[in-house]
Amino acid sequence: MKKLMLGNEAVARGAFEAGVGVVSSYPGTPSTEITENMVKYDDVYVEWAPNEKVACEVAIGASIAGARAMSCMKHVGLNVMADPVFTVSYTGVNGGLVLCVADDPGMHSSQNEQDSRHYAKASKILMLEPSDSAECKEYTKKAFELSEEFDTPVFIRLSTRVSHSQSLVEETERADKPLKDYDKNPGKYVMMPGNAVKRHVVVEERMAALRKMSDESPLNTVEENGSKIGVISAGIAYVYSKEALGDAVDYLKLGVVYPMPEQKIRDFAAKHDKIYIVEELDPVIEEFVKSLGIEVIGKSEFTLLGEYTPAMIKKVVLGIDPPEFDAIDETIPVRPPVMCAGCPHRGTFYVLKKLGLVVSGDIGCYTLGATPPLQAVDSVVCMGASVSAAHGMAKARGAEFNKKLVSVIGDSTFMHSGITGLVDIVYNKGNNTVIILDNSITGMTGHQDNPTTGYTIRKEETKQVNLVALAKSIGIDHVVVADPFDVKNFEKVVKEEVNREEPSVIIAQRPCALLPPMRKKYSGHCNITDNCKKCKMCMKLGCPAISIENDTVKIDRTQCNGCGLCTNVCPFNAIEKED
């Protein structure tokens, strides 16, 4: 039976059909739905891990024990996972091990545009790249087979468009894959230097075998249309090329993007007068082809930035300008990203902005605290960096700077990589104030559970990490839980904690407004009354439901959910909540 599936859903289906036994991941757009879709299959153990490194290690352990295993992440999650990834390349596998990494050209939900193909080369791990949902399923199944055949982990490289686009996928039955035998083999799996030196030899021998496999693999295909112009491409860029160029050129579609098929590329180039390399982000294919002494046209004509379009490709290869479109006379309003109406983080950033504090920020919904009108966040680097970077800022500028400085980090991100930064502050005698924005869920990636919520990915009840007890256990004596919507008290708490001569933690605790219990709790709407003095204090919240029209503040009832934050900041009691 054929079904429309997202690319991510198809990867999950492929893993299921391949007989995967264990899947461990950390949510990260655009990869999140792979693991979420694995939950549909009761035969598979699935979990959200605290971070990508842990997730990878769980999958590695399952593979060593004889199960087929998988871990999924976005491109920056691969940075967190890199430590075990480079070493599992040396150990090899027992059960097949597949690592799915989703890149984000265009940075739709990411802080950089890193190209994960570099990781395949650096770690000497086979990488496959599907171009649509059907290939997502089939390539995943093939990845498990190749993993066991060549004793290697295998990368599946996705992109936002492949992950989040739909196409037809044919479902088949799940393969019966019993656990492989487990044998004690320290020479293979204990990577101390004496063993690692020997395993490096195995890795290089494996790479030679993989290069031969790549040249012979049906995943690398040539499409001949009788043209003297050839296009070498992979993944979504191949789909764009087909849409733009049709039968006007010949194609070499790479399904194996590392190691690339040297002889197949040489043979393809020999039959064409001109070769174009069409690939988003870095010139990975281009540099390899040029290393073979083949002249090609690539990044000299195509951008290194963002996503490609069929029109862009058609202009470069065929010299055809994109069609002109009718211009719209009206000014189209911009729609910048904004925290939702009722977002619990809005009260926190309102207070921090009011107090004029330096805010070391982190990755999550609360990154939007950097946008107008709140504009409270000074820096955002990566998961967990808010805590560690603030420690560095304070050490660089002296003790008095601590009274102007706070870190903000979400509950899930704190579990991911914020704990170690807090330990560093305590251990090295810092006195920073860390605000944990506890909204009871992993919000940014679509409401996934984490160790602080008390539920597993299958909504089974489990032990819930107590953030207060955790902070105290590592040496934080002052831990305060406060509601950020009680802005007067929250301001008082922040002032007290930043002026301490020792480290402290504030847990800003209020659930995400989009969680079902909060949808029930937030009812009715807020209205502007005749007491309004047009001071526009409520506009400083940046709530999408509040706007100004003809110098009059208005509340849009279609967006307002009655959270009541605006009633707490209006100095004239001019906003009332209607039940």
Protein backbone atom coordinates (compact mmCIF):
# COMPACT_ATOMS: atom_id res chain seq x y z
CA MET A 1 0.00 0.00 0.00
CA LYS A 2 1.24 3.48 -0.89
CA LYS A 3 0.86 6.44 1.47
CA LEU A 4 1.83 10.09 1.45
CA MET A 5 4.58 10.53 4.03
CA LEU A 6 6.88 13.25 5.24
CA GLY A 7 10.51 12.42 4.62
CA ASN A 8 11.00 12.06 8.37
CA GLU A 9 8.00 9.75 8.63
CA ALA A 10 9.42 7.66 5.79
CA VAL A 11 12.78 7.33 7.55
CA ALA A 12 10.92 6.02 10.60
CA ARG A 13 9.01 3.57 8.41
CA GLY A 14 12.24 2.41 6.80
CA ALA A 15 13.85 1.83 10.16
CA PHE A 16 10.81 -0.13 11.32
CA GLU A 17 10.78 -2.29 8.20
CA ALA A 18 14.53 -2.85 8.59
CA GLY A 19 13.93 -4.35 12.03
CA VAL A 20 15.36 -1.55 14.18
CA GLY A 21 15.22 -2.41 17.87
CA VAL A 22 16.35 0.76 19.70
CA VAL A 23 15.97 4.45 18.78
CA SER A 24 17.35 7.22 21.02
CA SER A 25 17.34 10.89 20.02
CA TYR A 26 17.07 14.46 21.23
CA PRO A 27 14.46 16.63 19.46
CA GLY A 28 15.78 19.16 16.98
CA THR A 29 14.05 20.68 13.97
CA PRO A 30 14.11 19.51 11.17
CA SER A 31 14.76 15.95 12.44
CA THR A 32 12.25 15.69 15.31
CA GLU A 33 9.45 13.86 13.53
CA ILE A 34 11.61 10.80 12.78
CA THR A 35 11.69 9.78 16.42
CA GLU A 36 8.13 10.94 17.05
CA ASN A 37 6.93 8.65 14.27
CA MET A 38 8.89 5.71 15.70
CA VAL A 39 6.48 5.78 18.65
CA LYS A 40 3.78 4.37 16.35
CA TYR A 41 5.63 1.05 16.30
CA ASP A 42 5.24 -0.93 19.50
CA ASP A 43 7.98 -3.39 18.49
CA VAL A 44 10.66 -0.68 18.85
CA TYR A 45 12.13 0.78 22.04
CA VAL A 46 12.08 4.59 21.60
CA GLU A 47 13.30 7.34 23.93
CA TRP A 48 14.11 11.01 24.22
CA ALA A 49 17.60 11.29 25.70
CA PRO A 50 18.80 14.37 27.63
CA ASN A 51 21.10 15.34 24.73
CA GLU A 52 22.48 14.03 21.45
CA LYS A 53 25.71 12.66 22.90
CA VAL A 54 23.77 10.46 25.32
CA ALA A 55 21.37 9.45 22.54
CA CYS A 56 24.24 8.33 20.31
CA GLU A 57 25.87 6.38 23.12
CA VAL A 58 22.59 4.59 23.84
CA ALA A 59 22.33 3.61 20.18
CA ILE A 60 25.96 2.48 20.12
CA GLY A 61 25.39 0.32 23.19
CA ALA A 62 22.32 -1.25 21.60
CA SER A 63 24.32 -1.97 18.45
CA ILE A 64 27.16 -3.60 20.40
CA ALA A 65 24.56 -5.72 22.19
CA GLY A 66 23.34 -7.00 18.81
CA ALA A 67 20.28 -4.86 17.99
CA ARG A 68 19.78 -2.65 14.98
CA ALA A 69 19.82 0.88 16.40
CA MET A 70 19.30 4.47 15.28
CA SER A 71 19.81 7.99 16.58
CA CYS A 72 18.46 11.15 14.94
CA MET A 73 19.49 14.78 15.26
CA LYS A 74 19.71 18.11 13.47
CA HIS A 75 23.04 19.35 12.15
CA VAL A 76 24.10 21.25 15.29
CA GLY A 77 23.08 18.21 17.34
CA LEU A 78 25.76 16.30 15.44
CA ASN A 79 28.30 18.64 17.03
CA VAL A 80 27.15 17.47 20.46
CA MET A 81 27.23 13.86 19.27
CA ALA A 82 30.64 14.12 17.61
CA ASP A 83 32.72 12.59 20.40
CA PRO A 84 31.19 9.11 20.30
CA VAL A 85 30.63 9.33 16.53
CA PHE A 86 34.34 9.60 15.71
CA THR A 87 35.20 6.67 17.95
CA VAL A 88 32.38 4.35 16.84
CA SER A 89 33.86 4.71 13.37
CA TYR A 90 36.84 2.82 14.82
CA THR A 91 34.92 0.24 16.82
CA GLY A 92 32.47 -0.58 14.07
CA VAL A 93 29.15 -2.21 14.91
CA ASN A 94 27.46 -5.47 15.75
CA GLY A 95 23.83 -4.74 14.95
CA GLY A 96 23.39 -2.13 12.22
CA LEU A 97 23.81 1.47 13.42
CA VAL A 98 22.25 4.39 11.52
CA LEU A 99 22.67 8.08 12.41
CA CYS A 100 20.15 10.44 10.77
CA VAL A 101 21.27 14.07 10.54
CA ALA A 102 19.02 16.80 9.13
CA ASP A 103 20.73 19.92 7.80
CA ASP A 104 18.92 23.26 7.63
CA PRO A 105 19.86 25.29 4.52
CA GLY A 106 18.31 28.70 4.91
CA MET A 107 18.46 28.45 8.71
CA HIS A 108 14.70 28.15 9.12
CA SER A 109 15.16 27.02 12.73
CA SER A 110 18.89 27.05 13.37
CA GLN A 111 21.78 29.25 14.41
CA ASN A 112 24.05 28.28 11.53
CA GLU A 113 24.10 26.59 8.11
CA GLN A 114 26.69 23.93 8.81
CA ASP A 115 27.07 21.20 6.17
CA SER A 116 27.12 17.73 7.79
CA ARG A 117 28.84 16.09 4.84
CA HIS A 118 32.11 17.31 6.32
CA TYR A 119 31.49 15.05 9.31
CA ALA A 120 31.25 11.99 7.08
CA LYS A 121 34.67 12.68 5.61
CA ALA A 122 36.24 13.68 8.92
CA SER A 123 34.94 10.61 10.78
CA LYS A 124 35.33 8.25 7.80
CA ILE A 125 31.73 7.10 7.95
CA LEU A 126 29.57 6.15 4.97
CA MET A 127 26.87 8.75 4.17
CA LEU A 128 23.73 8.33 2.05
CA GLU A 129 21.51 11.22 0.93
CA PRO A 130 17.90 10.62 -0.21
CA SER A 131 16.00 13.15 -2.32
CA ASP A 132 12.36 12.32 -1.54
CA SER A 133 10.23 10.34 0.90
CA ALA A 134 10.34 7.08 -1.07
CA GLU A 135 14.13 7.21 -1.05
CA CYS A 136 14.11 8.15 2.65
CA LYS A 137 12.47 4.82 3.42
CA GLU A 138 14.56 2.72 1.03
CA TYR A 139 17.87 4.40 1.87
CA THR A 140 17.26 3.85 5.57
CA LYS A 141 16.68 0.15 5.00
CA LYS A 142 19.78 0.01 2.81
CA ALA A 143 21.79 1.87 5.45
CA PHE A 144 21.17 -0.87 8.01
CA GLU A 145 22.25 -3.52 5.50
CA LEU A 146 25.42 -1.63 4.58
CA SER A 147 26.18 -0.98 8.24
CA GLU A 148 26.29 -4.68 8.99
CA GLU A 149 27.95 -5.64 5.71
CA PHE A 150 30.85 -3.20 6.15
CA ASP A 151 30.95 -3.11 9.97
CA THR A 152 30.36 0.64 10.07
CA PRO A 153 27.88 3.18 11.31
CA VAL A 154 26.06 4.90 8.44
CA PHE A 155 24.87 8.49 8.15
CA ILE A 156 21.58 9.38 6.48
CA ARG A 157 21.79 13.05 5.48
CA LEU A 158 18.49 14.89 5.21
CA SER A 159 17.60 18.55 4.75
CA THR A 160 14.65 20.67 5.82
CA ARG A 161 12.88 20.26 2.48
CA VAL A 162 13.38 16.49 2.28
CA SER A 163 12.43 16.03 5.94
CA HIS A 164 9.29 18.14 5.73
CA SER A 165 8.04 17.43 2.20
CA GLN A 166 5.60 14.68 1.35
CA SER A 167 5.65 12.10 -1.42
CA LEU A 168 4.35 8.58 -1.98
CA VAL A 169 5.89 5.71 -0.05
CA GLU A 170 5.08 2.04 -0.42
CA GLU A 171 4.87 0.18 2.86
CA THR A 172 6.11 -3.39 3.24
CA GLU A 173 6.33 -5.83 6.13
CA ARG A 174 8.84 -5.53 8.97
CA ALA A 175 11.91 -7.72 8.61
CA ASP A 176 12.51 -10.30 11.29
CA LYS A 177 15.88 -9.31 12.70
CA PRO A 178 16.71 -11.26 15.86
CA LEU A 179 19.48 -9.98 18.09
CA LYS A 180 22.96 -10.82 16.88
CA ASP A 181 25.15 -12.82 19.22
CA TYR A 182 27.06 -10.80 21.76
CA ASP A 183 30.71 -11.74 22.15
CA LYS A 184 33.19 -10.19 24.57
CA ASN A 185 35.65 -8.49 22.23
CA PRO A 186 37.77 -5.79 23.92
CA GLY A 187 40.12 -5.56 20.94
CA LYS A 188 37.21 -4.25 18.88
CA TYR A 189 35.22 -2.24 21.39
CA VAL A 190 37.70 -0.99 24.02
CA MET A 191 39.29 2.06 22.38
CA MET A 192 42.41 2.54 24.43
CA PRO A 193 45.43 3.57 22.34
CA GLY A 194 46.86 0.08 21.80
CA ASN A 195 43.58 -1.18 20.38
CA ALA A 196 42.69 2.03 18.54
CA VAL A 197 45.94 1.92 16.56
CA LYS A 198 44.94 -1.49 15.20
CA ARG A 199 41.35 -0.42 14.55
CA HIS A 200 42.54 2.55 12.48
CA VAL A 201 44.00 0.04 10.05
CA VAL A 202 40.57 -1.58 9.83
CA VAL A 203 38.95 1.80 9.16
CA GLU A 204 41.25 2.50 6.22
CA GLU A 205 40.68 -0.98 4.79
CA ARG A 206 36.96 -0.43 5.16
CA MET A 207 37.18 2.91 3.33
CA ALA A 208 38.82 1.19 0.38
CA ALA A 209 35.99 -1.34 0.28
CA LEU A 210 33.38 1.43 0.58
CA ARG A 211 34.90 3.33 -2.34
CA LYS A 212 34.56 0.22 -4.49
CA MET A 213 30.99 -0.26 -3.26
CA SER A 214 30.12 3.36 -4.07
CA ASP A 215 31.31 2.96 -7.67
CA GLU A 216 29.13 -0.11 -8.09
CA SER A 217 26.13 1.01 -6.03
CA PRO A 218 22.74 1.44 -7.72
CA LEU A 219 22.20 4.37 -5.36
CA ASN A 220 24.43 6.39 -7.70
CA THR A 221 22.55 6.62 -11.00
CA VAL A 222 23.16 8.13 -14.43
CA GLU A 223 20.23 9.55 -16.42
CA GLU A 224 21.07 10.01 -20.10
CA ASN A 225 19.02 12.40 -22.23
CA GLY A 226 21.48 12.77 -25.11
CA SER A 227 22.87 16.07 -23.88
CA LYS A 228 26.46 17.26 -23.83
CA ILE A 229 25.72 19.10 -20.59
CA GLY A 230 25.94 17.06 -17.43
CA VAL A 231 24.69 17.85 -13.92
CA ILE A 232 26.05 16.11 -10.81
CA SER A 233 23.81 16.54 -7.81
CA ALA A 234 22.28 14.86 -4.75
CA GLY A 235 19.35 15.16 -2.37
CA ILE A 236 16.90 18.03 -2.73
CA ALA A 237 19.23 19.90 -5.10
CA TYR A 238 18.77 17.03 -7.57
CA VAL A 239 14.98 17.42 -7.34
CA TYR A 240 15.28 21.16 -7.99
CA SER A 241 17.59 20.46 -10.94
CA LYS A 242 15.11 18.03 -12.50
CA GLU A 243 12.31 20.54 -12.09
CA ALA A 244 14.38 23.33 -13.62
CA LEU A 245 16.16 21.51 -16.44
CA GLY A 246 13.98 18.51 -17.30
CA ASP A 247 15.47 16.48 -20.17
CA ALA A 248 17.75 19.31 -21.36
CA VAL A 249 20.75 17.82 -19.54
CA ASP A 250 22.10 14.48 -18.36
CA TYR A 251 22.30 13.71 -14.66
CA LEU A 252 24.57 11.85 -12.29
CA LYS A 253 22.53 11.55 -9.11
CA LEU A 254 24.61 10.67 -6.06
CA GLY A 255 22.85 8.63 -3.41
CA VAL A 256 26.19 7.88 -1.73
CA VAL A 257 27.70 11.27 -0.92
CA TYR A 258 30.63 9.81 1.01
CA PRO A 259 32.71 8.17 -0.27
CA MET A 260 31.77 9.39 -3.75
CA PRO A 261 32.03 7.08 -6.80
CA GLU A 262 35.31 8.15 -8.43
CA GLN A 263 35.15 6.00 -11.57
CA LYS A 264 31.48 6.69 -12.20
CA ILE A 265 32.18 10.42 -12.00
CA ARG A 266 35.14 10.11 -14.40
CA ASP A 267 33.06 8.12 -16.88
CA PHE A 268 30.18 10.60 -16.68
CA ALA A 269 32.47 13.61 -17.16
CA ALA A 270 34.18 12.02 -20.16
CA LYS A 271 30.88 12.00 -22.07
CA HIS A 272 30.04 15.67 -21.53
CA ASP A 273 31.45 18.99 -22.71
CA LYS A 274 30.32 20.89 -19.65
CA ILE A 275 29.64 19.71 -16.09
CA TYR A 276 27.62 21.60 -13.49
CA ILE A 277 27.71 20.71 -9.82
CA VAL A 278 24.42 21.62 -8.14
CA GLU A 279 24.62 21.33 -4.33
CA GLU A 280 23.35 23.48 -1.50
CA LEU A 281 25.76 24.85 1.12
CA ASP A 282 29.44 23.91 0.78
CA PRO A 283 31.22 22.74 -2.40
CA VAL A 284 31.73 19.20 -1.12
CA ILE A 285 30.94 17.38 -4.39
CA GLU A 286 32.62 20.12 -6.40
CA GLU A 287 35.91 19.90 -4.53
CA PHE A 288 36.00 16.12 -4.85
CA VAL A 289 35.32 16.22 -8.60
CA LYS A 290 37.94 18.92 -9.11
CA SER A 291 40.42 16.79 -7.15
CA LEU A 292 40.02 14.23 -9.96
CA GLY A 293 41.28 16.82 -12.45
CA ILE A 294 37.82 17.42 -13.91
CA GLU A 295 36.80 20.96 -14.80
CA VAL A 296 33.34 21.82 -13.48
CA ILE A 297 31.09 24.81 -12.86
CA GLY A 298 29.85 25.08 -9.32
CA LYS A 299 30.10 27.72 -6.63
CA SER A 300 31.58 30.22 -9.07
CA GLU A 301 28.00 30.54 -10.36
CA PHE A 302 25.91 29.17 -7.47
CA THR A 303 25.68 30.72 -4.03
CA LEU A 304 27.15 29.26 -0.87
CA LEU A 305 24.20 30.70 1.04
CA GLY A 306 20.80 29.26 1.81
CA GLU A 307 18.47 27.19 -0.31
CA TYR A 308 18.36 26.90 -4.08
CA THR A 309 15.33 27.30 -6.34
CA PRO A 310 14.57 25.79 -9.77
CA ALA A 311 14.59 29.31 -11.22
CA MET A 312 18.11 29.91 -9.91
CA ILE A 313 19.36 26.66 -11.44
CA LYS A 314 17.64 27.30 -14.78
CA LYS A 315 19.26 30.73 -15.06
CA VAL A 316 22.77 29.41 -14.36
CA VAL A 317 22.64 26.30 -16.56
CA LEU A 318 20.33 27.34 -19.40
CA GLY A 319 20.64 31.13 -19.19
CA ILE A 320 16.86 31.51 -18.87
CA ASP A 321 15.72 34.31 -16.60
CA PRO A 322 12.87 33.56 -14.21
CA PRO A 323 9.47 34.86 -15.33
CA GLU A 324 8.39 38.26 -14.09
CA PHE A 325 5.52 38.33 -11.66
CA ASP A 326 2.92 41.02 -11.23
CA ALA A 327 3.91 43.35 -8.44
CA ILE A 328 1.47 43.93 -5.61
CA ASP A 329 0.86 47.60 -4.97
CA GLU A 330 0.02 47.20 -1.31
CA THR A 331 2.81 46.94 1.23
CA ILE A 332 2.91 43.39 2.52
CA PRO A 333 3.20 43.32 6.31
CA VAL A 334 6.18 41.49 7.70
CA ARG A 335 5.59 38.57 10.04
CA PRO A 336 8.62 38.31 12.31
CA PRO A 337 8.77 35.37 14.72
CA VAL A 338 7.23 36.23 18.05
CA MET A 339 6.49 34.53 21.36
CA CYS A 340 2.92 33.24 21.44
CA ALA A 341 0.15 35.05 23.27
CA GLY A 342 0.33 33.81 26.84
CA CYS A 343 3.98 32.69 26.53
CA PRO A 344 5.37 32.32 30.07
CA HIS A 345 8.72 33.75 29.00
CA ARG A 346 7.25 37.17 28.15
CA GLY A 347 6.98 38.17 31.81
CA THR A 348 10.60 37.20 32.44
CA PHE A 349 11.98 39.29 29.60
CA TYR A 350 9.73 42.23 30.43
CA VAL A 351 11.32 42.36 33.88
CA LEU A 352 14.88 41.83 32.61
CA LYS A 353 14.46 44.59 30.04
CA LYS A 354 12.99 46.92 32.67
CA LEU A 355 15.96 46.29 34.97
CA GLY A 356 18.45 46.87 32.14
CA LEU A 357 20.33 43.64 32.79
CA VAL A 358 22.83 41.94 30.50
CA VAL A 359 21.19 38.66 29.47
CA SER A 360 23.22 35.65 28.34
CA GLY A 361 20.68 33.69 26.28
CA ASP A 362 20.23 30.18 24.98
CA ILE A 363 18.53 28.04 22.31
CA GLY A 364 14.76 27.76 22.61
CA CYS A 365 11.51 29.73 22.27
CA TYR A 366 13.06 32.22 24.66
CA THR A 367 15.67 33.19 22.06
CA LEU A 368 12.85 35.45 20.84
CA GLY A 369 13.53 37.57 23.90
CA ALA A 370 16.11 39.24 21.65
CA THR A 371 13.45 40.62 19.28
CA PRO A 372 11.65 43.98 19.60
CA PRO A 373 10.10 45.34 21.69
CA LEU A 374 11.60 43.21 24.50
CA GLN A 375 15.16 43.17 23.12
CA ALA A 376 16.45 41.77 26.39
CA VAL A 377 18.86 39.05 25.20
CA ASP A 378 22.49 40.03 24.53
CA SER A 379 23.97 36.77 23.20
CA VAL A 380 22.97 33.30 22.00
CA VAL A 381 25.57 30.76 20.88
CA CYS A 382 24.50 27.16 21.40
CA MET A 383 22.67 24.82 23.77
CA GLY A 384 23.83 25.45 27.33
CA ALA A 385 26.11 28.38 26.47
CA SER A 386 23.99 30.88 28.41
CA VAL A 387 25.32 29.55 31.72
CA SER A 388 28.96 29.00 30.76
CA ALA A 389 29.28 32.21 28.73
CA ALA A 390 27.88 34.30 31.57
CA HIS A 391 30.49 32.79 33.89
CA GLY A 392 33.17 33.84 31.42
CA MET A 393 31.71 37.33 31.08
CA ALA A 394 31.73 37.79 34.84
CA LYS A 395 35.27 36.51 35.24
CA ALA A 396 36.43 38.84 32.46
CA ARG A 397 34.76 41.98 33.79
CA GLY A 398 34.93 41.47 37.54
CA ALA A 399 32.59 40.81 40.44
CA GLU A 400 30.51 43.98 40.08
CA PHE A 401 29.44 42.89 36.58
CA ASN A 402 27.53 40.01 38.17
CA LYS A 403 25.00 42.51 39.53
CA LYS A 404 24.11 43.45 35.96
CA LEU A 405 24.12 39.93 34.50
CA VAL A 406 21.83 36.88 34.32
CA SER A 407 21.64 33.69 32.27
CA VAL A 408 18.34 32.42 30.88
CA ILE A 409 17.94 28.79 29.88
CA GLY A 410 14.94 26.49 29.37
CA ASP A 411 14.25 23.41 31.49
CA SER A 412 14.97 21.01 28.61
CA THR A 413 18.10 22.90 27.56
CA PHE A 414 19.30 22.98 31.16
CA MET A 415 19.05 19.18 31.24
CA HIS A 416 20.73 19.02 27.81
CA SER A 417 23.89 20.95 28.60
CA GLY A 418 23.27 23.63 31.21
CA ILE A 419 24.00 21.54 34.30
CA THR A 420 27.75 21.35 33.67
CA GLY A 421 27.96 25.14 33.26
CA LEU A 422 26.26 25.60 36.60
CA VAL A 423 28.69 23.14 38.19
CA ASP A 424 31.53 25.19 36.70
CA ILE A 425 30.18 28.37 38.32
CA VAL A 426 29.99 26.74 41.75
CA TYR A 427 33.32 24.93 41.47
CA ASN A 428 35.22 28.00 40.30
CA LYS A 429 33.68 30.38 42.84
CA GLY A 430 31.48 32.36 40.50
CA ASN A 431 28.41 34.19 41.75
CA ASN A 432 26.22 34.29 38.64
CA THR A 433 22.42 34.25 38.67
CA VAL A 434 20.87 31.61 36.41
CA ILE A 435 17.19 31.79 35.49
CA ILE A 436 15.75 28.43 34.43
CA LEU A 437 12.66 29.07 32.32
CA ASP A 438 10.57 26.10 33.35
CA ASN A 439 7.62 25.88 30.95
CA SER A 440 7.03 22.16 31.68
CA ILE A 441 7.87 20.95 28.15
CA THR A 442 10.38 21.12 25.30
CA GLY A 443 8.50 23.89 23.53
CA MET A 444 10.47 25.02 20.50
CA THR A 445 10.48 21.67 18.70
CA GLY A 446 6.81 20.89 19.27
CA HIS A 447 6.09 19.83 22.87
CA GLN A 448 8.33 16.85 23.51
CA ASP A 449 8.75 15.50 27.02
CA ASN A 450 12.09 15.71 28.80
CA PRO A 451 13.51 14.58 32.17
CA THR A 452 11.79 17.47 33.98
CA THR A 453 8.25 16.64 32.81
CA GLY A 454 7.80 13.23 34.45
CA TYR A 455 6.78 11.44 31.24
CA THR A 456 8.59 9.39 28.59
CA ILE A 457 8.14 9.77 24.84
CA ARG A 458 5.30 7.23 25.07
CA LYS A 459 3.63 9.30 27.84
CA GLU A 460 4.48 6.70 30.48
CA GLU A 461 4.93 8.16 33.96
CA THR A 462 8.54 8.21 35.14
CA LYS A 463 10.76 9.90 37.70
CA GLN A 464 10.69 13.68 37.36
CA VAL A 465 13.89 15.63 37.86
CA ASN A 466 13.47 18.11 40.71
CA LEU A 467 15.25 21.26 39.55
CA VAL A 468 15.35 22.74 43.04
CA ALA A 469 16.94 19.64 44.54
CA LEU A 470 19.33 19.33 41.60
CA ALA A 471 20.56 22.91 41.93
CA LYS A 472 21.02 22.55 45.68
CA SER A 473 22.86 19.24 45.26
CA ILE A 474 25.62 20.89 43.23
CA GLY A 475 26.12 23.68 45.73
CA ILE A 476 23.54 26.39 44.96
CA ASP A 477 22.23 27.49 48.35
CA HIS A 478 19.77 30.07 47.04
CA VAL A 479 17.09 28.60 44.75
CA VAL A 480 13.86 30.56 44.30
CA VAL A 481 10.77 29.42 42.40
CA ALA A 482 8.75 32.37 41.07
CA ASP A 483 5.90 32.97 38.61
CA PRO A 484 7.09 35.35 35.86
CA PHE A 485 3.51 36.60 35.38
CA ASP A 486 3.58 38.02 38.90
CA VAL A 487 5.80 40.77 37.56
CA LYS A 488 6.12 42.78 40.80
CA ASN A 489 7.29 39.79 42.81
CA PHE A 490 9.45 38.49 39.96
CA GLU A 491 11.20 41.85 39.68
CA LYS A 492 11.82 41.79 43.44
CA VAL A 493 13.26 38.25 43.23
CA VAL A 494 15.60 39.13 40.35
CA LYS A 495 16.90 42.22 42.14
CA GLU A 496 17.62 40.21 45.28
CA GLU A 497 19.37 37.35 43.50
CA VAL A 498 21.64 39.38 41.22
CA ASN A 499 22.90 41.29 44.26
CA ARG A 500 23.97 38.18 46.15
CA GLU A 501 27.66 37.52 46.70
CA GLU A 502 27.22 33.86 45.73
CA PRO A 503 25.62 31.93 42.87
CA SER A 504 21.85 31.60 42.79
CA VAL A 505 19.13 30.03 40.65
CA ILE A 506 15.69 31.42 39.86
CA ILE A 507 13.19 28.93 38.46
CA ALA A 508 10.68 30.95 36.42
CA GLN A 509 7.88 28.44 36.56
CA ARG A 510 4.77 28.68 34.38
CA PRO A 511 3.67 26.11 31.76
CA CYS A 512 3.64 26.78 28.02
CA ALA A 513 0.38 28.46 27.00
CA LEU A 514 -0.16 25.91 24.24
CA LEU A 515 -0.26 22.89 26.54
CA PRO A 516 -3.79 21.43 26.83
CA PRO A 517 -4.13 22.16 30.60
CA MET A 518 -3.20 25.79 29.99
CA ARG A 519 -5.62 26.10 27.08
CA LYS A 520 -8.33 25.19 29.57
CA LYS A 521 -6.94 27.44 32.30
CA TYR A 522 -6.58 30.47 30.03
CA SER A 523 -10.15 31.34 29.13
CA GLY A 524 -11.95 34.47 28.04
CA HIS A 525 -10.21 37.61 26.79
CA CYS A 526 -8.69 40.82 28.07
CA ASN A 527 -10.28 44.15 27.21
CA ILE A 528 -9.15 47.78 27.28
CA THR A 529 -11.41 49.93 29.48
CA ASP A 530 -12.09 53.66 29.55
CA ASN A 531 -9.35 54.03 32.20
CA CYS A 532 -6.69 53.72 29.46
CA LYS A 533 -4.32 56.72 29.55
CA LYS A 534 -2.51 55.70 26.35
CA CYS A 535 0.75 55.24 28.23
CA LYS A 536 1.43 52.22 26.03
CA MET A 537 3.12 50.31 28.87
CA CYS A 538 1.32 47.16 27.67
CA MET A 539 2.95 47.52 24.24
CA LYS A 540 6.33 46.84 25.88
CA LEU A 541 5.26 43.21 26.38
CA GLY A 542 5.36 42.48 22.66
CA CYS A 543 2.17 40.42 22.90
CA PRO A 544 0.87 39.67 19.38
CA ALA A 545 -2.70 40.30 20.58
CA ILE A 546 -1.99 43.92 21.56
CA SER A 547 -1.62 46.64 18.93
CA ILE A 548 -2.13 50.36 18.37
CA GLU A 549 -4.64 51.79 15.93
CA ASN A 550 -5.07 55.57 15.60
CA ASP A 551 -3.07 56.05 18.80
CA THR A 552 -5.49 53.76 20.65
CA VAL A 553 -4.44 50.45 22.19
CA LYS A 554 -6.51 47.50 21.02
CA ILE A 555 -6.59 43.81 21.99
CA ASP A 556 -7.34 41.32 19.22
CA ARG A 557 -9.85 38.83 20.63
CA THR A 558 -8.89 36.26 18.01
CA GLN A 559 -5.36 36.10 19.42
CA CYS A 560 -5.86 36.90 23.10
CA ASN A 561 -6.20 33.82 25.28
CA GLY A 562 -6.87 35.64 28.53
CA CYS A 563 -3.50 34.89 30.14
CA GLY A 564 -3.75 38.16 32.07
CA LEU A 565 -0.12 39.28 31.90
CA CYS A 566 -1.10 42.66 30.50
CA THR A 567 -3.37 43.28 33.50
CA ASN A 568 -0.29 42.92 35.73
CA VAL A 569 1.74 45.60 33.95
CA CYS A 570 -0.93 48.25 33.33
CA PRO A 571 -0.33 51.02 35.93
CA PHE A 572 -3.89 52.38 35.63
CA ASN A 573 -5.86 49.12 35.89
CA ALA A 574 -7.17 49.89 32.41
CA ILE A 575 -7.19 46.27 31.28
CA GLU A 576 -9.73 43.85 32.63
CA LYS A 577 -10.03 40.12 32.14
CA GLU A 578 -13.34 38.83 30.85
CA ASP A 579 -14.10 35.24 31.86
